[in-house]
Amino acid sequence: LVSQFHDFDPKLAANLKEKEVVLDVLHRDISHF
């Protein structure tokens, strides 16, 4: 994310959002576990 300050890359931004989805899934599944 911090590297985006120097040169914003839409593809990398989409990849970062995908990682946030991973965090949401892990949050849910670890909590249930």
PDB file of all heavy atoms in Angstrom:
ATOM      1  N   LEU A   1       0.825  -1.200   0.000  1.00  0.00           N
ATOM      2  CA  LEU A   1       0.000   0.000   0.000  1.00  0.00           C
ATOM      3  C   LEU A   1       0.865   1.257   0.000  1.00  0.00           C
ATOM      4  O   LEU A   1       0.630   2.192  -0.775  1.00  0.00           O
ATOM      5  CB  LEU A   1      -0.914  -0.008   1.221  1.00  0.00           C
ATOM      6  CG  LEU A   1      -1.590   1.322   1.595  1.00  0.00           C
ATOM      7  CD1 LEU A   1      -2.608   1.702   0.527  1.00  0.00           C
ATOM      8  CD2 LEU A   1      -2.259   1.223   2.948  1.00  0.00           C
ATOM      9  N   VAL A   2       1.885   1.303   0.849  1.00  0.00           N
ATOM     10  CA  VAL A   2       2.739   2.484   0.946  1.00  0.00           C
ATOM     11  C   VAL A   2       3.482   2.722  -0.370  1.00  0.00           C
ATOM     12  O   VAL A   2       3.721   3.877  -0.759  1.00  0.00           O
ATOM     13  CB  VAL A   2       3.729   2.325   2.121  1.00  0.00           C
ATOM     14  CG1 VAL A   2       4.726   3.486   2.159  1.00  0.00           C
ATOM     15  CG2 VAL A   2       2.973   2.272   3.447  1.00  0.00           C
ATOM     16  N   SER A   3       3.818   1.643  -1.085  1.00  0.00           N
ATOM     17  CA  SER A   3       4.499   1.804  -2.373  1.00  0.00           C
ATOM     18  C   SER A   3       3.606   2.486  -3.403  1.00  0.00           C
ATOM     19  O   SER A   3       4.106   3.035  -4.392  1.00  0.00           O
ATOM     20  CB  SER A   3       4.949   0.441  -2.907  1.00  0.00           C
ATOM     21  OG  SER A   3       3.830  -0.332  -3.320  1.00  0.00           O
ATOM     22  N   GLN A   4       2.289   2.477  -3.178  1.00  0.00           N
ATOM     23  CA  GLN A   4       1.349   3.102  -4.116  1.00  0.00           C
ATOM     24  C   GLN A   4       1.440   4.626  -4.093  1.00  0.00           C
ATOM     25  O   GLN A   4       0.953   5.289  -5.008  1.00  0.00           O
ATOM     26  CB  GLN A   4      -0.092   2.681  -3.793  1.00  0.00           C
ATOM     27  CG  GLN A   4      -0.382   1.214  -4.056  1.00  0.00           C
ATOM     28  CD  GLN A   4      -0.565   0.931  -5.531  1.00  0.00           C
ATOM     29  OE1 GLN A   4       0.399   0.841  -6.283  1.00  0.00           O
ATOM     30  NE2 GLN A   4      -1.793   0.798  -5.966  1.00  0.00           N
ATOM     31  N   PHE A   5       2.035   5.186  -3.038  1.00  0.00           N
ATOM     32  CA  PHE A   5       2.168   6.644  -2.969  1.00  0.00           C
ATOM     33  C   PHE A   5       3.048   7.168  -4.097  1.00  0.00           C
ATOM     34  O   PHE A   5       2.836   8.258  -4.619  1.00  0.00           O
ATOM     35  CB  PHE A   5       2.764   7.050  -1.617  1.00  0.00           C
ATOM     36  CG  PHE A   5       1.753   7.129  -0.512  1.00  0.00           C
ATOM     37  CD1 PHE A   5       1.580   6.088   0.366  1.00  0.00           C
ATOM     38  CD2 PHE A   5       0.949   8.247  -0.373  1.00  0.00           C
ATOM     39  CE1 PHE A   5       0.646   6.152   1.383  1.00  0.00           C
ATOM     40  CE2 PHE A   5       0.008   8.323   0.637  1.00  0.00           C
ATOM     41  CZ  PHE A   5      -0.143   7.278   1.518  1.00  0.00           C
ATOM     42  N   HIS A   6       4.064   6.407  -4.458  1.00  0.00           N
ATOM     43  CA  HIS A   6       5.018   6.865  -5.458  1.00  0.00           C
ATOM     44  C   HIS A   6       4.502   6.642  -6.884  1.00  0.00           C
ATOM     45  O   HIS A   6       4.728   7.465  -7.757  1.00  0.00           O
ATOM     46  CB  HIS A   6       6.350   6.142  -5.258  1.00  0.00           C
ATOM     47  CG  HIS A   6       6.908   6.290  -3.869  1.00  0.00           C
ATOM     48  ND1 HIS A   6       7.462   7.478  -3.420  1.00  0.00           N
ATOM     49  CD2 HIS A   6       6.975   5.422  -2.823  1.00  0.00           C
ATOM     50  CE1 HIS A   6       7.858   7.328  -2.168  1.00  0.00           C
ATOM     51  NE2 HIS A   6       7.578   6.086  -1.789  1.00  0.00           N
ATOM     52  N   ASP A   7       3.824   5.528  -7.119  1.00  0.00           N
ATOM     53  CA  ASP A   7       3.320   5.229  -8.464  1.00  0.00           C
ATOM     54  C   ASP A   7       2.096   4.331  -8.325  1.00  0.00           C
ATOM     55  O   ASP A   7       2.219   3.127  -8.111  1.00  0.00           O
ATOM     56  CB  ASP A   7       4.412   4.535  -9.284  1.00  0.00           C
ATOM     57  CG  ASP A   7       3.974   4.298 -10.729  1.00  0.00           C
ATOM     58  OD1 ASP A   7       3.025   4.976 -11.161  1.00  0.00           O
ATOM     59  OD2 ASP A   7       4.579   3.441 -11.398  1.00  0.00           O
ATOM     60  N   PHE A   8       0.896   4.937  -8.447  1.00  0.00           N
ATOM     61  CA  PHE A   8      -0.333   4.182  -8.241  1.00  0.00           C
ATOM     62  C   PHE A   8      -0.544   3.195  -9.378  1.00  0.00           C
ATOM     63  O   PHE A   8      -0.542   3.574 -10.557  1.00  0.00           O
ATOM     64  CB  PHE A   8      -1.533   5.132  -8.139  1.00  0.00           C
ATOM     65  CG  PHE A   8      -2.811   4.438  -7.785  1.00  0.00           C
ATOM     66  CD1 PHE A   8      -3.106   4.163  -6.458  1.00  0.00           C
ATOM     67  CD2 PHE A   8      -3.717   4.046  -8.765  1.00  0.00           C
ATOM     68  CE1 PHE A   8      -4.284   3.516  -6.114  1.00  0.00           C
ATOM     69  CE2 PHE A   8      -4.888   3.395  -8.434  1.00  0.00           C
ATOM     70  CZ  PHE A   8      -5.168   3.131  -7.093  1.00  0.00           C
ATOM     71  N   ASP A   9      -0.730   1.923  -9.014  1.00  0.00           N
ATOM     72  CA  ASP A   9      -0.924   0.852  -9.986  1.00  0.00           C
ATOM     73  C   ASP A   9      -2.300   0.230  -9.754  1.00  0.00           C
ATOM     74  O   ASP A   9      -2.520  -0.413  -8.725  1.00  0.00           O
ATOM     75  CB  ASP A   9       0.171  -0.205  -9.833  1.00  0.00           C
ATOM     76  CG  ASP A   9       0.058  -1.322 -10.863  1.00  0.00           C
ATOM     77  OD1 ASP A   9      -0.886  -1.277 -11.680  1.00  0.00           O
ATOM     78  OD2 ASP A   9       0.897  -2.239 -10.843  1.00  0.00           O
ATOM     79  N   PRO A  10      -3.259   0.400 -10.692  1.00  0.00           N
ATOM     80  CA  PRO A  10      -4.610  -0.150 -10.480  1.00  0.00           C
ATOM     81  C   PRO A  10      -4.620  -1.667 -10.290  1.00  0.00           C
ATOM     82  O   PRO A  10      -5.414  -2.193  -9.520  1.00  0.00           O
ATOM     83  CB  PRO A  10      -5.358   0.249 -11.758  1.00  0.00           C
ATOM     84  CG  PRO A  10      -4.599   1.417 -12.292  1.00  0.00           C
ATOM     85  CD  PRO A  10      -3.171   1.187 -11.928  1.00  0.00           C
ATOM     86  N   LYS A  11      -3.739  -2.394 -10.998  1.00  0.00           N
ATOM     87  CA  LYS A  11      -3.683  -3.849 -10.853  1.00  0.00           C
ATOM     88  C   LYS A  11      -3.237  -4.233  -9.453  1.00  0.00           C
ATOM     89  O   LYS A  11      -3.792  -5.153  -8.839  1.00  0.00           O
ATOM     90  CB  LYS A  11      -2.744  -4.450 -11.894  1.00  0.00           C
ATOM     91  CG  LYS A  11      -3.257  -4.370 -13.319  1.00  0.00           C
ATOM     92  CD  LYS A  11      -2.326  -5.074 -14.285  1.00  0.00           C
ATOM     93  CE  LYS A  11      -2.881  -5.033 -15.704  1.00  0.00           C
ATOM     94  NZ  LYS A  11      -1.972  -5.704 -16.668  1.00  0.00           N
ATOM     95  N   LEU A  12      -2.221  -3.533  -8.936  1.00  0.00           N
ATOM     96  CA  LEU A  12      -1.766  -3.815  -7.579  1.00  0.00           C
ATOM     97  C   LEU A  12      -2.844  -3.446  -6.571  1.00  0.00           C
ATOM     98  O   LEU A  12      -3.040  -4.153  -5.568  1.00  0.00           O
ATOM     99  CB  LEU A  12      -0.484  -3.036  -7.286  1.00  0.00           C
ATOM    100  CG  LEU A  12       0.129  -3.232  -5.885  1.00  0.00           C
ATOM    101  CD1 LEU A  12       0.444  -4.702  -5.630  1.00  0.00           C
ATOM    102  CD2 LEU A  12       1.378  -2.378  -5.719  1.00  0.00           C
ATOM    103  N   ALA A  13      -3.577  -2.367  -6.828  1.00  0.00           N
ATOM    104  CA  ALA A  13      -4.670  -1.967  -5.929  1.00  0.00           C
ATOM    105  C   ALA A  13      -5.739  -3.054  -5.876  1.00  0.00           C
ATOM    106  O   ALA A  13      -6.269  -3.371  -4.803  1.00  0.00           O
ATOM    107  CB  ALA A  13      -5.267  -0.639  -6.391  1.00  0.00           C
ATOM    108  N   ALA A  14      -6.071  -3.640  -7.037  1.00  0.00           N
ATOM    109  CA  ALA A  14      -7.053  -4.727  -7.062  1.00  0.00           C
ATOM    110  C   ALA A  14      -6.539  -5.944  -6.299  1.00  0.00           C
ATOM    111  O   ALA A  14      -7.289  -6.617  -5.591  1.00  0.00           O
ATOM    112  CB  ALA A  14      -7.364  -5.112  -8.512  1.00  0.00           C
ATOM    113  N   ASN A  15      -5.232  -6.213  -6.407  1.00  0.00           N
ATOM    114  CA  ASN A  15      -4.630  -7.325  -5.674  1.00  0.00           C
ATOM    115  C   ASN A  15      -4.683  -7.086  -4.168  1.00  0.00           C
ATOM    116  O   ASN A  15      -4.915  -8.019  -3.382  1.00  0.00           O
ATOM    117  CB  ASN A  15      -3.193  -7.513  -6.144  1.00  0.00           C
ATOM    118  CG  ASN A  15      -2.506  -8.689  -5.467  1.00  0.00           C
ATOM    119  OD1 ASN A  15      -1.724  -8.512  -4.537  1.00  0.00           O
ATOM    120  ND2 ASN A  15      -2.787  -9.892  -5.937  1.00  0.00           N
ATOM    121  N   LEU A  16      -4.490  -5.841  -3.753  1.00  0.00           N
ATOM    122  CA  LEU A  16      -4.560  -5.505  -2.328  1.00  0.00           C
ATOM    123  C   LEU A  16      -5.974  -5.687  -1.793  1.00  0.00           C
ATOM    124  O   LEU A  16      -6.171  -6.164  -0.664  1.00  0.00           O
ATOM    125  CB  LEU A  16      -4.097  -4.063  -2.110  1.00  0.00           C
ATOM    126  CG  LEU A  16      -2.627  -3.772  -2.409  1.00  0.00           C
ATOM    127  CD1 LEU A  16      -2.306  -2.299  -2.175  1.00  0.00           C
ATOM    128  CD2 LEU A  16      -1.718  -4.632  -1.540  1.00  0.00           C
ATOM    129  N   LYS A  17      -6.968  -5.328  -2.598  1.00  0.00           N
ATOM    130  CA  LYS A  17      -8.353  -5.536  -2.173  1.00  0.00           C
ATOM    131  C   LYS A  17      -8.667  -7.028  -2.041  1.00  0.00           C
ATOM    132  O   LYS A  17      -9.437  -7.435  -1.174  1.00  0.00           O
ATOM    133  CB  LYS A  17      -9.316  -4.873  -3.176  1.00  0.00           C
ATOM    134  CG  LYS A  17      -9.416  -3.355  -3.025  1.00  0.00           C
ATOM    135  CD  LYS A  17     -10.420  -2.779  -4.001  1.00  0.00           C
ATOM    136  CE  LYS A  17     -10.681  -1.312  -3.717  1.00  0.00           C
ATOM    137  NZ  LYS A  17     -11.438  -1.093  -2.463  1.00  0.00           N
ATOM    138  N   GLU A  18      -8.069  -7.843  -2.902  1.00  0.00           N
ATOM    139  CA  GLU A  18      -8.267  -9.283  -2.809  1.00  0.00           C
ATOM    140  C   GLU A  18      -7.690  -9.815  -1.498  1.00  0.00           C
ATOM    141  O   GLU A  18      -8.261 -10.709  -0.866  1.00  0.00           O
ATOM    142  CB  GLU A  18      -7.599  -9.961  -4.009  1.00  0.00           C
ATOM    143  CG  GLU A  18      -7.898 -11.445  -4.115  1.00  0.00           C
ATOM    144  CD  GLU A  18      -7.333 -12.055  -5.385  1.00  0.00           C
ATOM    145  OE1 GLU A  18      -7.330 -11.365  -6.419  1.00  0.00           O
ATOM    146  OE2 GLU A  18      -6.891 -13.214  -5.341  1.00  0.00           O
ATOM    147  N   LYS A  19      -6.566  -9.262  -1.081  1.00  0.00           N
ATOM    148  CA  LYS A  19      -5.972  -9.677   0.201  1.00  0.00           C
ATOM    149  C   LYS A  19      -6.863  -9.271   1.372  1.00  0.00           C
ATOM    150  O   LYS A  19      -6.930  -9.991   2.377  1.00  0.00           O
ATOM    151  CB  LYS A  19      -4.581  -9.062   0.355  1.00  0.00           C
ATOM    152  CG  LYS A  19      -3.545  -9.662  -0.592  1.00  0.00           C
ATOM    153  CD  LYS A  19      -2.196  -8.973  -0.449  1.00  0.00           C
ATOM    154  CE  LYS A  19      -1.206  -9.567  -1.444  1.00  0.00           C
ATOM    155  NZ  LYS A  19       0.087  -8.863  -1.439  1.00  0.00           N
ATOM    156  N   GLU A  20      -7.540  -8.148   1.238  1.00  0.00           N
ATOM    157  CA  GLU A  20      -8.447  -7.740   2.314  1.00  0.00           C
ATOM    158  C   GLU A  20      -9.618  -8.704   2.421  1.00  0.00           C
ATOM    159  O   GLU A  20     -10.103  -8.988   3.511  1.00  0.00           O
ATOM    160  CB  GLU A  20      -8.944  -6.313   2.036  1.00  0.00           C
ATOM    161  CG  GLU A  20      -9.365  -5.552   3.285  1.00  0.00           C
ATOM    162  CD  GLU A  20     -10.710  -6.005   3.830  1.00  0.00           C
ATOM    163  OE1 GLU A  20     -11.614  -6.273   3.018  1.00  0.00           O
ATOM    164  OE2 GLU A  20     -10.864  -6.090   5.064  1.00  0.00           O
ATOM    165  N   VAL A  21     -10.068  -9.233   1.278  1.00  0.00           N
ATOM    166  CA  VAL A  21     -11.115 -10.261   1.286  1.00  0.00           C
ATOM    167  C   VAL A  21     -10.615 -11.502   2.020  1.00  0.00           C
ATOM    168  O   VAL A  21     -11.354 -12.132   2.789  1.00  0.00           O
ATOM    169  CB  VAL A  21     -11.540 -10.610  -0.161  1.00  0.00           C
ATOM    170  CG1 VAL A  21     -12.473 -11.815  -0.167  1.00  0.00           C
ATOM    171  CG2 VAL A  21     -12.227  -9.424  -0.814  1.00  0.00           C
ATOM    172  N   VAL A  22      -9.337 -11.853   1.812  1.00  0.00           N
ATOM    173  CA  VAL A  22      -8.747 -12.997   2.522  1.00  0.00           C
ATOM    174  C   VAL A  22      -8.788 -12.760   4.025  1.00  0.00           C
ATOM    175  O   VAL A  22      -9.132 -13.659   4.799  1.00  0.00           O
ATOM    176  CB  VAL A  22      -7.301 -13.233   2.048  1.00  0.00           C
ATOM    177  CG1 VAL A  22      -6.651 -14.360   2.846  1.00  0.00           C
ATOM    178  CG2 VAL A  22      -7.260 -13.558   0.565  1.00  0.00           C
ATOM    179  N   LEU A  23      -8.456 -11.553   4.446  1.00  0.00           N
ATOM    180  CA  LEU A  23      -8.496 -11.231   5.880  1.00  0.00           C
ATOM    181  C   LEU A  23      -9.917 -11.358   6.427  1.00  0.00           C
ATOM    182  O   LEU A  23     -10.113 -11.844   7.554  1.00  0.00           O
ATOM    183  CB  LEU A  23      -7.959  -9.814   6.117  1.00  0.00           C
ATOM    184  CG  LEU A  23      -6.457  -9.604   5.853  1.00  0.00           C
ATOM    185  CD1 LEU A  23      -6.078  -8.146   6.079  1.00  0.00           C
ATOM    186  CD2 LEU A  23      -5.619 -10.501   6.764  1.00  0.00           C
ATOM    187  N   ASP A  24     -10.907 -10.922   5.662  1.00  0.00           N
ATOM    188  CA  ASP A  24     -12.303 -11.059   6.096  1.00  0.00           C
ATOM    189  C   ASP A  24     -12.673 -12.533   6.289  1.00  0.00           C
ATOM    190  O   ASP A  24     -13.319 -12.905   7.275  1.00  0.00           O
ATOM    191  CB  ASP A  24     -13.242 -10.423   5.071  1.00  0.00           C
ATOM    192  CG  ASP A  24     -13.165  -8.908   5.065  1.00  0.00           C
ATOM    193  OD1 ASP A  24     -12.684  -8.338   6.061  1.00  0.00           O
ATOM    194  OD2 ASP A  24     -13.567  -8.297   4.059  1.00  0.00           O
ATOM    195  N   VAL A  25     -12.270 -13.370   5.329  1.00  0.00           N
ATOM    196  CA  VAL A  25     -12.587 -14.796   5.407  1.00  0.00           C
ATOM    197  C   VAL A  25     -11.900 -15.442   6.602  1.00  0.00           C
ATOM    198  O   VAL A  25     -12.519 -16.202   7.357  1.00  0.00           O
ATOM    199  CB  VAL A  25     -12.182 -15.502   4.091  1.00  0.00           C
ATOM    200  CG1 VAL A  25     -12.320 -17.011   4.221  1.00  0.00           C
ATOM    201  CG2 VAL A  25     -13.035 -15.001   2.931  1.00  0.00           C
ATOM    202  N   LEU A  26     -10.620 -15.131   6.794  1.00  0.00           N
ATOM    203  CA  LEU A  26      -9.882 -15.711   7.927  1.00  0.00           C
ATOM    204  C   LEU A  26     -10.444 -15.227   9.254  1.00  0.00           C
ATOM    205  O   LEU A  26     -10.518 -15.998  10.227  1.00  0.00           O
ATOM    206  CB  LEU A  26      -8.397 -15.353   7.815  1.00  0.00           C
ATOM    207  CG  LEU A  26      -7.638 -15.980   6.638  1.00  0.00           C
ATOM    208  CD1 LEU A  26      -6.181 -15.527   6.640  1.00  0.00           C
ATOM    209  CD2 LEU A  26      -7.711 -17.498   6.705  1.00  0.00           C
ATOM    210  N   HIS A  27     -10.848 -13.959   9.315  1.00  0.00           N
ATOM    211  CA  HIS A  27     -11.474 -13.426  10.529  1.00  0.00           C
ATOM    212  C   HIS A  27     -12.713 -14.233  10.902  1.00  0.00           C
ATOM    213  O   HIS A  27     -12.886 -14.648  12.058  1.00  0.00           O
ATOM    214  CB  HIS A  27     -11.835 -11.955  10.286  1.00  0.00           C
ATOM    215  CG  HIS A  27     -12.613 -11.327  11.397  1.00  0.00           C
ATOM    216  ND1 HIS A  27     -13.696 -10.518  11.190  1.00  0.00           N
ATOM    217  CD2 HIS A  27     -12.472 -11.411  12.748  1.00  0.00           C
ATOM    218  CE1 HIS A  27     -14.187 -10.116  12.352  1.00  0.00           C
ATOM    219  NE2 HIS A  27     -13.461 -10.645  13.306  1.00  0.00           N
ATOM    220  N   ARG A  28     -13.548 -14.489   9.911  1.00  0.00           N
ATOM    221  CA  ARG A  28     -14.769 -15.257  10.153  1.00  0.00           C
ATOM    222  C   ARG A  28     -14.467 -16.696  10.562  1.00  0.00           C
ATOM    223  O   ARG A  28     -14.999 -17.190  11.567  1.00  0.00           O
ATOM    224  CB  ARG A  28     -15.615 -15.235   8.882  1.00  0.00           C
ATOM    225  CG  ARG A  28     -16.944 -15.977   8.975  1.00  0.00           C
ATOM    226  CD  ARG A  28     -17.462 -16.308   7.589  1.00  0.00           C
ATOM    227  NE  ARG A  28     -16.608 -17.273   6.919  1.00  0.00           N
ATOM    228  CZ  ARG A  28     -16.468 -17.337   5.597  1.00  0.00           C
ATOM    229  NH1 ARG A  28     -17.083 -16.491   4.829  1.00  0.00           N
ATOM    230  NH2 ARG A  28     -15.680 -18.253   5.061  1.00  0.00           N
ATOM    231  N   ASP A  29     -13.595 -17.359   9.802  1.00  0.00           N
ATOM    232  CA  ASP A  29     -13.358 -18.784  10.040  1.00  0.00           C
ATOM    233  C   ASP A  29     -12.582 -19.039  11.328  1.00  0.00           C
ATOM    234  O   ASP A  29     -12.867 -20.000  12.051  1.00  0.00           O
ATOM    235  CB  ASP A  29     -12.608 -19.391   8.850  1.00  0.00           C
ATOM    236  CG  ASP A  29     -13.479 -19.480   7.603  1.00  0.00           C
ATOM    237  OD1 ASP A  29     -14.702 -19.267   7.737  1.00  0.00           O
ATOM    238  OD2 ASP A  29     -12.951 -19.749   6.511  1.00  0.00           O
ATOM    239  N   ILE A  30     -11.594 -18.193  11.632  1.00  0.00           N
ATOM    240  CA  ILE A  30     -10.844 -18.368  12.885  1.00  0.00           C
ATOM    241  C   ILE A  30     -11.754 -18.118  14.082  1.00  0.00           C
ATOM    242  O   ILE A  30     -11.688 -18.832  15.090  1.00  0.00           O
ATOM    243  CB  ILE A  30      -9.623 -17.432  12.923  1.00  0.00           C
ATOM    244  CG1 ILE A  30      -8.622 -17.807  11.827  1.00  0.00           C
ATOM    245  CG2 ILE A  30      -8.935 -17.494  14.283  1.00  0.00           C
ATOM    246  CD1 ILE A  30      -7.452 -16.836  11.697  1.00  0.00           C
ATOM    247  N   SER A  31     -12.613 -17.101  13.964  1.00  0.00           N
ATOM    248  CA  SER A  31     -13.538 -16.806  15.077  1.00  0.00           C
ATOM    249  C   SER A  31     -14.478 -17.987  15.330  1.00  0.00           C
ATOM    250  O   SER A  31     -14.686 -18.395  16.486  1.00  0.00           O
ATOM    251  CB  SER A  31     -14.347 -15.542  14.762  1.00  0.00           C
ATOM    252  OG  SER A  31     -13.502 -14.423  14.618  1.00  0.00           O
ATOM    253  N   HIS A  32     -15.059 -18.551  14.265  1.00  0.00           N
ATOM    254  CA  HIS A  32     -15.936 -19.717  14.424  1.00  0.00           C
ATOM    255  C   HIS A  32     -15.170 -20.889  15.023  1.00  0.00           C
ATOM    256  O   HIS A  32     -15.694 -21.614  15.897  1.00  0.00           O
ATOM    257  CB  HIS A  32     -16.510 -20.127  13.069  1.00  0.00           C
ATOM    258  CG  HIS A  32     -17.526 -19.167  12.546  1.00  0.00           C
ATOM    259  ND1 HIS A  32     -17.994 -19.207  11.251  1.00  0.00           N
ATOM    260  CD2 HIS A  32     -18.178 -18.128  13.134  1.00  0.00           C
ATOM    261  CE1 HIS A  32     -18.887 -18.242  11.073  1.00  0.00           C
ATOM    262  NE2 HIS A  32     -19.001 -17.572  12.197  1.00  0.00           N
ATOM    263  N   PHE A  33     -13.937 -21.074  14.588  1.00  0.00           N
ATOM    264  CA  PHE A  33     -13.108 -22.174  15.082  1.00  0.00           C
ATOM    265  C   PHE A  33     -12.818 -22.009  16.574  1.00  0.00           C
ATOM    266  O   PHE A  33     -12.953 -22.965  17.362  1.00  0.00           O
ATOM    267  CB  PHE A  33     -11.803 -22.210  14.283  1.00  0.00           C
ATOM    268  CG  PHE A  33     -10.893 -23.353  14.621  1.00  0.00           C
ATOM    269  CD1 PHE A  33     -11.125 -24.623  14.125  1.00  0.00           C
ATOM    270  CD2 PHE A  33      -9.777 -23.154  15.422  1.00  0.00           C
ATOM    271  CE1 PHE A  33     -10.280 -25.682  14.425  1.00  0.00           C
ATOM    272  CE2 PHE A  33      -8.922 -24.194  15.733  1.00  0.00           C
ATOM    273  CZ  PHE A  33      -9.172 -25.461  15.232  1.00  0.00           C
TER     274      PHE A  33
END
